[in-house]
N, C-alpha and C. Protein backbone atom coordinates (compact mmCIF):
# COMPACT_ATOMS: atom_id res chain seq x y z
N MET A 1 -36.23 -27.92 55.97
CA MET A 1 -36.37 -27.93 54.53
C MET A 1 -37.66 -28.66 54.15
N THR A 2 -38.35 -28.11 53.17
CA THR A 2 -39.59 -28.73 52.75
C THR A 2 -39.67 -28.80 51.23
N ILE A 3 -40.38 -29.78 50.76
CA ILE A 3 -40.72 -29.92 49.34
C ILE A 3 -42.22 -30.08 49.30
N SER A 4 -42.89 -29.17 48.63
CA SER A 4 -44.36 -29.18 48.49
C SER A 4 -45.07 -29.60 49.78
N GLY A 5 -44.73 -28.91 50.88
CA GLY A 5 -45.44 -29.13 52.13
C GLY A 5 -44.98 -30.33 52.93
N ILE A 6 -43.93 -31.03 52.49
CA ILE A 6 -43.44 -32.21 53.23
C ILE A 6 -42.05 -31.89 53.77
N MET A 7 -41.85 -32.21 55.03
CA MET A 7 -40.55 -31.99 55.64
C MET A 7 -39.55 -32.98 55.06
N THR A 8 -38.36 -32.48 54.67
CA THR A 8 -37.36 -33.35 54.06
C THR A 8 -36.15 -33.60 54.95
N THR A 9 -36.08 -32.97 56.12
CA THR A 9 -34.97 -33.22 57.03
C THR A 9 -35.12 -34.63 57.58
N THR A 10 -34.06 -35.40 57.49
CA THR A 10 -34.12 -36.78 57.97
C THR A 10 -33.66 -36.87 59.41
N ILE A 11 -34.02 -37.94 60.06
CA ILE A 11 -33.59 -38.15 61.44
C ILE A 11 -32.07 -38.31 61.49
N GLN A 12 -31.47 -38.88 60.45
CA GLN A 12 -30.01 -39.02 60.42
C GLN A 12 -29.34 -37.66 60.34
N THR A 13 -29.90 -36.74 59.55
CA THR A 13 -29.36 -35.38 59.48
C THR A 13 -29.43 -34.72 60.84
N ILE A 14 -30.54 -34.90 61.53
CA ILE A 14 -30.69 -34.33 62.87
C ILE A 14 -29.66 -34.94 63.82
N ARG A 15 -29.48 -36.26 63.76
CA ARG A 15 -28.47 -36.91 64.61
C ARG A 15 -27.08 -36.34 64.33
N ASP A 16 -26.75 -36.23 63.03
CA ASP A 16 -25.43 -35.70 62.65
C ASP A 16 -25.24 -34.27 63.14
N ASP A 17 -26.26 -33.44 62.94
CA ASP A 17 -26.17 -32.04 63.37
C ASP A 17 -26.03 -31.95 64.89
N PHE A 18 -26.77 -32.78 65.62
CA PHE A 18 -26.68 -32.77 67.09
C PHE A 18 -25.28 -33.17 67.54
N SER A 19 -24.62 -34.07 66.80
CA SER A 19 -23.29 -34.53 67.21
C SER A 19 -22.26 -33.40 67.14
N PHE A 20 -22.52 -32.39 66.31
CA PHE A 20 -21.60 -31.26 66.20
C PHE A 20 -21.89 -30.17 67.23
N LEU A 21 -23.07 -30.21 67.82
CA LEU A 21 -23.48 -29.17 68.78
C LEU A 21 -23.24 -29.68 70.20
N GLU A 22 -22.23 -29.15 70.84
CA GLU A 22 -21.88 -29.64 72.17
C GLU A 22 -22.68 -28.98 73.28
N GLU A 23 -23.00 -27.71 73.12
CA GLU A 23 -23.72 -26.97 74.15
C GLU A 23 -25.22 -27.16 74.00
N TRP A 24 -25.91 -27.32 75.13
CA TRP A 24 -27.35 -27.50 75.08
C TRP A 24 -28.05 -26.29 74.48
N GLU A 25 -27.55 -25.08 74.74
CA GLU A 25 -28.17 -23.87 74.18
C GLU A 25 -28.16 -23.91 72.65
N ASP A 26 -27.06 -24.41 72.08
CA ASP A 26 -26.98 -24.53 70.61
C ASP A 26 -27.98 -25.57 70.11
N ARG A 27 -28.11 -26.66 70.83
CA ARG A 27 -29.08 -27.70 70.46
C ARG A 27 -30.50 -27.17 70.57
N TYR A 28 -30.76 -26.41 71.60
CA TYR A 28 -32.07 -25.81 71.82
C TYR A 28 -32.43 -24.91 70.64
N ARG A 29 -31.48 -24.05 70.23
CA ARG A 29 -31.71 -23.17 69.07
C ARG A 29 -31.95 -23.99 67.81
N TYR A 30 -31.20 -25.07 67.66
CA TYR A 30 -31.36 -25.94 66.49
C TYR A 30 -32.75 -26.57 66.46
N VAL A 31 -33.24 -27.03 67.61
CA VAL A 31 -34.58 -27.61 67.67
C VAL A 31 -35.61 -26.57 67.25
N ILE A 32 -35.44 -25.34 67.69
CA ILE A 32 -36.36 -24.26 67.30
C ILE A 32 -36.28 -24.04 65.78
N GLU A 33 -35.07 -24.06 65.22
CA GLU A 33 -34.91 -23.90 63.77
C GLU A 33 -35.60 -25.03 63.00
N LEU A 34 -35.53 -26.25 63.53
CA LEU A 34 -36.24 -27.36 62.89
C LEU A 34 -37.74 -27.08 62.83
N GLY A 35 -38.27 -26.54 63.92
CA GLY A 35 -39.69 -26.20 63.95
C GLY A 35 -40.03 -25.10 62.97
N GLU A 36 -39.14 -24.13 62.84
CA GLU A 36 -39.38 -23.04 61.89
C GLU A 36 -39.37 -23.53 60.45
N ALA A 37 -38.67 -24.64 60.19
CA ALA A 37 -38.58 -25.19 58.84
C ALA A 37 -39.78 -26.07 58.46
N LEU A 38 -40.65 -26.34 59.43
CA LEU A 38 -41.84 -27.14 59.11
C LEU A 38 -42.70 -26.40 58.08
N PRO A 39 -43.34 -27.14 57.19
CA PRO A 39 -44.23 -26.48 56.25
C PRO A 39 -45.41 -25.86 56.99
N PRO A 40 -46.01 -24.82 56.40
CA PRO A 40 -47.19 -24.21 57.04
C PRO A 40 -48.27 -25.27 57.28
N PHE A 41 -48.91 -25.16 58.42
CA PHE A 41 -49.97 -26.10 58.79
C PHE A 41 -51.31 -25.41 58.56
N PRO A 42 -52.17 -25.98 57.73
CA PRO A 42 -53.43 -25.30 57.40
C PRO A 42 -54.31 -25.07 58.63
N ASP A 43 -54.88 -23.89 58.70
CA ASP A 43 -55.76 -23.53 59.83
C ASP A 43 -56.90 -24.53 59.99
N GLU A 44 -57.45 -25.02 58.88
CA GLU A 44 -58.58 -25.96 58.98
C GLU A 44 -58.18 -27.30 59.61
N GLN A 45 -56.87 -27.56 59.66
CA GLN A 45 -56.39 -28.80 60.30
C GLN A 45 -56.20 -28.64 61.81
N ARG A 46 -56.31 -27.43 62.30
CA ARG A 46 -56.18 -27.17 63.75
C ARG A 46 -57.52 -27.46 64.43
N SER A 47 -57.89 -28.72 64.39
CA SER A 47 -59.19 -29.14 64.92
C SER A 47 -59.00 -30.02 66.15
N ALA A 48 -60.09 -30.22 66.85
CA ALA A 48 -60.05 -31.08 68.04
C ALA A 48 -59.64 -32.50 67.65
N ALA A 49 -60.07 -32.97 66.49
CA ALA A 49 -59.73 -34.33 66.05
C ALA A 49 -58.23 -34.50 65.83
N ASN A 50 -57.55 -33.43 65.43
CA ASN A 50 -56.11 -33.50 65.17
C ASN A 50 -55.25 -33.08 66.36
N LYS A 51 -55.89 -32.58 67.40
CA LYS A 51 -55.14 -32.13 68.57
C LYS A 51 -54.65 -33.34 69.36
N VAL A 52 -53.40 -33.27 69.81
CA VAL A 52 -52.81 -34.35 70.59
C VAL A 52 -53.08 -34.07 72.06
N PRO A 53 -53.86 -34.93 72.73
CA PRO A 53 -54.12 -34.72 74.16
C PRO A 53 -52.86 -35.02 74.97
N GLY A 54 -52.75 -34.39 76.12
CA GLY A 54 -51.62 -34.67 77.00
C GLY A 54 -50.46 -33.71 76.82
N CYS A 55 -50.57 -32.79 75.90
CA CYS A 55 -49.53 -31.79 75.69
C CYS A 55 -49.95 -30.49 76.35
N VAL A 56 -49.02 -29.85 77.06
CA VAL A 56 -49.31 -28.57 77.70
C VAL A 56 -49.51 -27.52 76.61
N SER A 57 -48.60 -27.50 75.63
CA SER A 57 -48.77 -26.63 74.46
C SER A 57 -49.76 -27.31 73.53
N GLN A 58 -50.32 -26.54 72.63
CA GLN A 58 -51.22 -27.14 71.65
C GLN A 58 -50.37 -27.80 70.56
N VAL A 59 -50.72 -29.05 70.26
CA VAL A 59 -50.03 -29.81 69.21
C VAL A 59 -51.10 -30.45 68.35
N TRP A 60 -50.92 -30.32 67.03
CA TRP A 60 -51.83 -30.96 66.08
C TRP A 60 -51.04 -31.89 65.19
N LEU A 61 -51.61 -33.04 64.89
CA LEU A 61 -51.01 -34.03 63.99
C LEU A 61 -52.06 -34.51 63.00
N THR A 62 -51.67 -34.62 61.74
CA THR A 62 -52.54 -35.26 60.76
C THR A 62 -51.81 -36.50 60.24
N THR A 63 -52.59 -37.48 59.84
CA THR A 63 -52.06 -38.76 59.40
C THR A 63 -52.68 -39.13 58.06
N GLU A 64 -51.84 -39.48 57.10
CA GLU A 64 -52.30 -40.00 55.82
C GLU A 64 -51.54 -41.29 55.56
N HIS A 65 -52.24 -42.31 55.07
CA HIS A 65 -51.51 -43.54 54.76
C HIS A 65 -51.90 -44.05 53.39
N GLY A 66 -50.92 -44.72 52.78
CA GLY A 66 -51.12 -45.30 51.46
C GLY A 66 -51.86 -46.62 51.55
N ALA A 67 -51.87 -47.31 50.45
CA ALA A 67 -52.55 -48.60 50.37
C ALA A 67 -51.58 -49.73 50.67
N GLY A 68 -52.13 -50.92 50.79
CA GLY A 68 -51.31 -52.10 50.98
C GLY A 68 -51.38 -52.64 52.39
N ALA A 69 -50.80 -53.81 52.55
CA ALA A 69 -50.85 -54.50 53.84
C ALA A 69 -50.03 -53.79 54.90
N ASP A 70 -48.99 -53.07 54.48
CA ASP A 70 -48.12 -52.33 55.41
C ASP A 70 -47.91 -50.94 54.82
N PRO A 71 -48.92 -50.07 54.94
CA PRO A 71 -48.88 -48.79 54.23
C PRO A 71 -47.82 -47.83 54.76
N VAL A 72 -47.32 -47.01 53.86
CA VAL A 72 -46.44 -45.91 54.23
C VAL A 72 -47.34 -44.82 54.81
N ILE A 73 -46.91 -44.27 55.93
CA ILE A 73 -47.70 -43.25 56.62
C ILE A 73 -46.95 -41.93 56.61
N THR A 74 -47.68 -40.88 56.30
CA THR A 74 -47.13 -39.53 56.29
C THR A 74 -47.84 -38.71 57.36
N PHE A 75 -47.05 -38.06 58.19
CA PHE A 75 -47.58 -37.22 59.24
C PHE A 75 -47.22 -35.76 58.94
N THR A 76 -48.12 -34.87 59.30
CA THR A 76 -47.82 -33.44 59.34
C THR A 76 -48.20 -32.96 60.72
N GLY A 77 -47.58 -31.88 61.16
CA GLY A 77 -47.89 -31.42 62.50
C GLY A 77 -47.47 -29.99 62.74
N ASP A 78 -47.92 -29.49 63.87
CA ASP A 78 -47.60 -28.12 64.26
C ASP A 78 -47.84 -27.96 65.76
N SER A 79 -47.31 -26.88 66.30
CA SER A 79 -47.55 -26.52 67.70
C SER A 79 -47.56 -25.01 67.81
N ASP A 80 -48.16 -24.53 68.88
CA ASP A 80 -48.18 -23.09 69.12
C ASP A 80 -46.97 -22.63 69.94
N ALA A 81 -46.07 -23.53 70.29
CA ALA A 81 -44.87 -23.19 71.06
C ALA A 81 -43.62 -23.52 70.23
N HIS A 82 -42.65 -22.62 70.21
CA HIS A 82 -41.47 -22.77 69.35
C HIS A 82 -40.71 -24.06 69.60
N ILE A 83 -40.36 -24.34 70.84
CA ILE A 83 -39.57 -25.54 71.13
C ILE A 83 -40.38 -26.80 70.83
N VAL A 84 -41.65 -26.78 71.15
CA VAL A 84 -42.50 -27.95 70.89
C VAL A 84 -42.65 -28.16 69.39
N ARG A 85 -42.74 -27.08 68.64
CA ARG A 85 -42.80 -27.20 67.17
C ARG A 85 -41.54 -27.91 66.67
N GLY A 86 -40.40 -27.61 67.26
CA GLY A 86 -39.16 -28.29 66.91
C GLY A 86 -39.20 -29.76 67.27
N LEU A 87 -39.79 -30.08 68.41
CA LEU A 87 -39.93 -31.48 68.81
C LEU A 87 -40.88 -32.21 67.85
N VAL A 88 -41.92 -31.52 67.40
CA VAL A 88 -42.81 -32.10 66.39
C VAL A 88 -41.99 -32.42 65.13
N ALA A 89 -41.12 -31.49 64.73
CA ALA A 89 -40.28 -31.70 63.54
C ALA A 89 -39.40 -32.94 63.71
N ILE A 90 -38.85 -33.14 64.90
CA ILE A 90 -38.01 -34.33 65.15
C ILE A 90 -38.85 -35.60 65.05
N MET A 91 -40.05 -35.58 65.62
CA MET A 91 -40.92 -36.76 65.55
C MET A 91 -41.34 -37.05 64.10
N LEU A 92 -41.59 -36.01 63.32
CA LEU A 92 -41.95 -36.21 61.92
C LEU A 92 -40.77 -36.80 61.16
N ALA A 93 -39.57 -36.31 61.44
CA ALA A 93 -38.37 -36.86 60.78
C ALA A 93 -38.17 -38.32 61.16
N LEU A 94 -38.51 -38.67 62.39
CA LEU A 94 -38.33 -40.04 62.86
C LEU A 94 -39.38 -40.99 62.28
N PHE A 95 -40.62 -40.54 62.18
CA PHE A 95 -41.71 -41.45 61.84
C PHE A 95 -42.32 -41.28 60.45
N SER A 96 -42.42 -40.07 59.94
CA SER A 96 -43.16 -39.84 58.70
C SER A 96 -42.44 -40.45 57.50
N GLY A 97 -43.24 -41.00 56.58
CA GLY A 97 -42.68 -41.61 55.37
C GLY A 97 -42.20 -43.03 55.56
N ARG A 98 -42.54 -43.64 56.67
CA ARG A 98 -42.15 -45.01 56.96
C ARG A 98 -43.38 -45.90 56.95
N THR A 99 -43.17 -47.19 56.84
CA THR A 99 -44.31 -48.10 56.86
C THR A 99 -44.86 -48.21 58.27
N ALA A 100 -46.10 -48.63 58.36
CA ALA A 100 -46.76 -48.78 59.66
C ALA A 100 -45.98 -49.73 60.56
N SER A 101 -45.48 -50.83 60.00
CA SER A 101 -44.73 -51.79 60.83
C SER A 101 -43.40 -51.19 61.30
N GLU A 102 -42.75 -50.39 60.46
CA GLU A 102 -41.51 -49.72 60.89
C GLU A 102 -41.80 -48.76 62.04
N ILE A 103 -42.90 -48.03 61.91
CA ILE A 103 -43.28 -47.08 62.97
C ILE A 103 -43.51 -47.82 64.28
N GLN A 104 -44.18 -48.96 64.21
CA GLN A 104 -44.45 -49.75 65.41
C GLN A 104 -43.15 -50.19 66.09
N LYS A 105 -42.11 -50.48 65.30
CA LYS A 105 -40.85 -50.98 65.84
C LYS A 105 -39.88 -49.88 66.27
N THR A 106 -40.15 -48.63 65.89
CA THR A 106 -39.22 -47.53 66.16
C THR A 106 -39.26 -47.16 67.64
N ASP A 107 -38.08 -47.07 68.22
CA ASP A 107 -37.94 -46.73 69.64
C ASP A 107 -37.63 -45.23 69.77
N ALA A 108 -38.68 -44.45 69.92
CA ALA A 108 -38.53 -43.00 70.04
C ALA A 108 -37.72 -42.62 71.28
N ASP A 109 -37.91 -43.34 72.38
CA ASP A 109 -37.17 -43.04 73.61
C ASP A 109 -35.66 -43.16 73.38
N ALA A 110 -35.24 -44.18 72.63
CA ALA A 110 -33.82 -44.37 72.36
C ALA A 110 -33.27 -43.20 71.53
N THR A 111 -34.06 -42.73 70.58
CA THR A 111 -33.63 -41.59 69.76
C THR A 111 -33.52 -40.34 70.61
N LEU A 112 -34.50 -40.10 71.47
CA LEU A 112 -34.46 -38.92 72.34
C LEU A 112 -33.26 -38.98 73.29
N LYS A 113 -32.97 -40.17 73.77
CA LYS A 113 -31.81 -40.35 74.65
C LYS A 113 -30.52 -40.09 73.87
N GLU A 114 -30.45 -40.64 72.66
CA GLU A 114 -29.27 -40.44 71.82
C GLU A 114 -29.03 -38.95 71.54
N LEU A 115 -30.10 -38.20 71.34
CA LEU A 115 -29.98 -36.76 71.08
C LEU A 115 -29.77 -35.95 72.36
N GLY A 116 -29.93 -36.59 73.52
CA GLY A 116 -29.77 -35.89 74.79
C GLY A 116 -31.01 -35.12 75.21
N LEU A 117 -32.09 -35.29 74.45
CA LEU A 117 -33.31 -34.55 74.77
C LEU A 117 -33.99 -35.07 76.02
N ASP A 118 -33.82 -36.35 76.31
CA ASP A 118 -34.48 -36.95 77.47
C ASP A 118 -34.08 -36.25 78.77
N GLU A 119 -32.86 -35.76 78.84
CA GLU A 119 -32.40 -35.14 80.08
C GLU A 119 -32.57 -33.61 80.09
N HIS A 120 -33.00 -33.04 78.97
CA HIS A 120 -33.14 -31.59 78.90
C HIS A 120 -34.57 -31.10 78.73
N LEU A 121 -35.52 -32.00 78.71
CA LEU A 121 -36.92 -31.59 78.57
C LEU A 121 -37.58 -31.54 79.94
N SER A 122 -38.44 -30.56 80.12
CA SER A 122 -39.21 -30.50 81.36
C SER A 122 -40.13 -31.72 81.42
N PRO A 123 -40.57 -32.11 82.60
CA PRO A 123 -41.50 -33.24 82.70
C PRO A 123 -42.76 -33.05 81.85
N GLN A 124 -43.27 -31.82 81.77
CA GLN A 124 -44.47 -31.57 80.97
C GLN A 124 -44.20 -31.78 79.49
N ARG A 125 -43.04 -31.29 79.00
CA ARG A 125 -42.71 -31.48 77.58
C ARG A 125 -42.44 -32.95 77.29
N ALA A 126 -41.79 -33.65 78.21
CA ALA A 126 -41.54 -35.08 78.01
C ALA A 126 -42.85 -35.85 77.94
N ASN A 127 -43.81 -35.50 78.80
CA ASN A 127 -45.12 -36.15 78.76
C ASN A 127 -45.83 -35.85 77.45
N GLY A 128 -45.73 -34.61 76.99
CA GLY A 128 -46.34 -34.24 75.72
C GLY A 128 -45.73 -34.99 74.56
N LEU A 129 -44.42 -35.16 74.61
CA LEU A 129 -43.73 -35.91 73.55
C LEU A 129 -44.17 -37.37 73.57
N ARG A 130 -44.30 -37.95 74.74
CA ARG A 130 -44.79 -39.33 74.85
C ARG A 130 -46.21 -39.44 74.28
N SER A 131 -47.04 -38.43 74.53
CA SER A 131 -48.40 -38.42 73.98
C SER A 131 -48.37 -38.38 72.46
N MET A 132 -47.44 -37.61 71.91
CA MET A 132 -47.30 -37.53 70.46
C MET A 132 -46.89 -38.89 69.89
N VAL A 133 -45.92 -39.52 70.52
CA VAL A 133 -45.46 -40.84 70.06
C VAL A 133 -46.59 -41.86 70.16
N LYS A 134 -47.35 -41.84 71.26
CA LYS A 134 -48.49 -42.76 71.40
C LYS A 134 -49.49 -42.57 70.27
N ARG A 135 -49.79 -41.32 69.95
CA ARG A 135 -50.73 -41.02 68.87
C ARG A 135 -50.21 -41.55 67.53
N ILE A 136 -48.94 -41.33 67.25
CA ILE A 136 -48.33 -41.78 65.99
C ILE A 136 -48.39 -43.30 65.91
N LYS A 137 -48.03 -43.98 66.99
CA LYS A 137 -48.03 -45.45 66.98
C LYS A 137 -49.46 -46.00 66.92
N ARG A 138 -50.39 -45.32 67.57
CA ARG A 138 -51.79 -45.74 67.50
C ARG A 138 -52.31 -45.62 66.07
N ASP A 139 -51.96 -44.52 65.40
CA ASP A 139 -52.39 -44.34 64.02
C ASP A 139 -51.77 -45.40 63.10
N ALA A 140 -50.52 -45.77 63.36
CA ALA A 140 -49.87 -46.82 62.58
C ALA A 140 -50.56 -48.16 62.81
N GLU A 141 -50.89 -48.44 64.06
CA GLU A 141 -51.59 -49.69 64.39
C GLU A 141 -52.95 -49.73 63.71
N ALA A 142 -53.67 -48.61 63.73
CA ALA A 142 -54.98 -48.53 63.10
C ALA A 142 -54.88 -48.77 61.58
N ALA A 143 -53.82 -48.22 60.97
CA ALA A 143 -53.61 -48.41 59.53
C ALA A 143 -53.39 -49.89 59.21
N LEU A 144 -52.64 -50.57 60.06
CA LEU A 144 -52.40 -52.00 59.85
C LEU A 144 -53.67 -52.80 60.01
N LYS A 145 -54.49 -52.47 60.99
CA LYS A 145 -55.74 -53.19 61.23
C LYS A 145 -56.77 -52.91 60.13
N GLN A 146 -56.75 -51.68 59.63
CA GLN A 146 -57.70 -51.27 58.60
C GLN A 146 -57.52 -52.09 57.32
N ILE A 147 -56.29 -52.41 57.03
CA ILE A 147 -55.98 -53.16 55.82
C ILE A 147 -56.27 -54.64 56.01
N ALA A 148 -56.05 -55.14 57.23
CA ALA A 148 -56.19 -56.58 57.50
C ALA A 148 -57.61 -57.07 57.35
């Protein structure tokens, strides 16, 4: 679900939905549906500067942050692979719209484990997801330093 280009699905909604899906195939389809619900990603944002290194599939992330000592950060993203696009959607639900300090404290690995994704992702996808999390946390750290 989106409102004016911003994803509105929350991480809690994703957790709740995952709790009802017992079979991994159903969860896999749900992750793909999450990716399909992402707002369109502008072609001009598909640049080398926005590309996340370390992902086998192409992944792009943009970062915008507000003002203040602990700014709220909004991420947008996309991928050229269906399942990875869904993983991008989960990371956006987990991190986007939170303050930089909240992002720094968020344990993405714990969330992935809670959702059961840690045991169902290929090593390449898991590495790509870690690269995405590193990029998000690096951007949050940069936002905090920029204000200081």
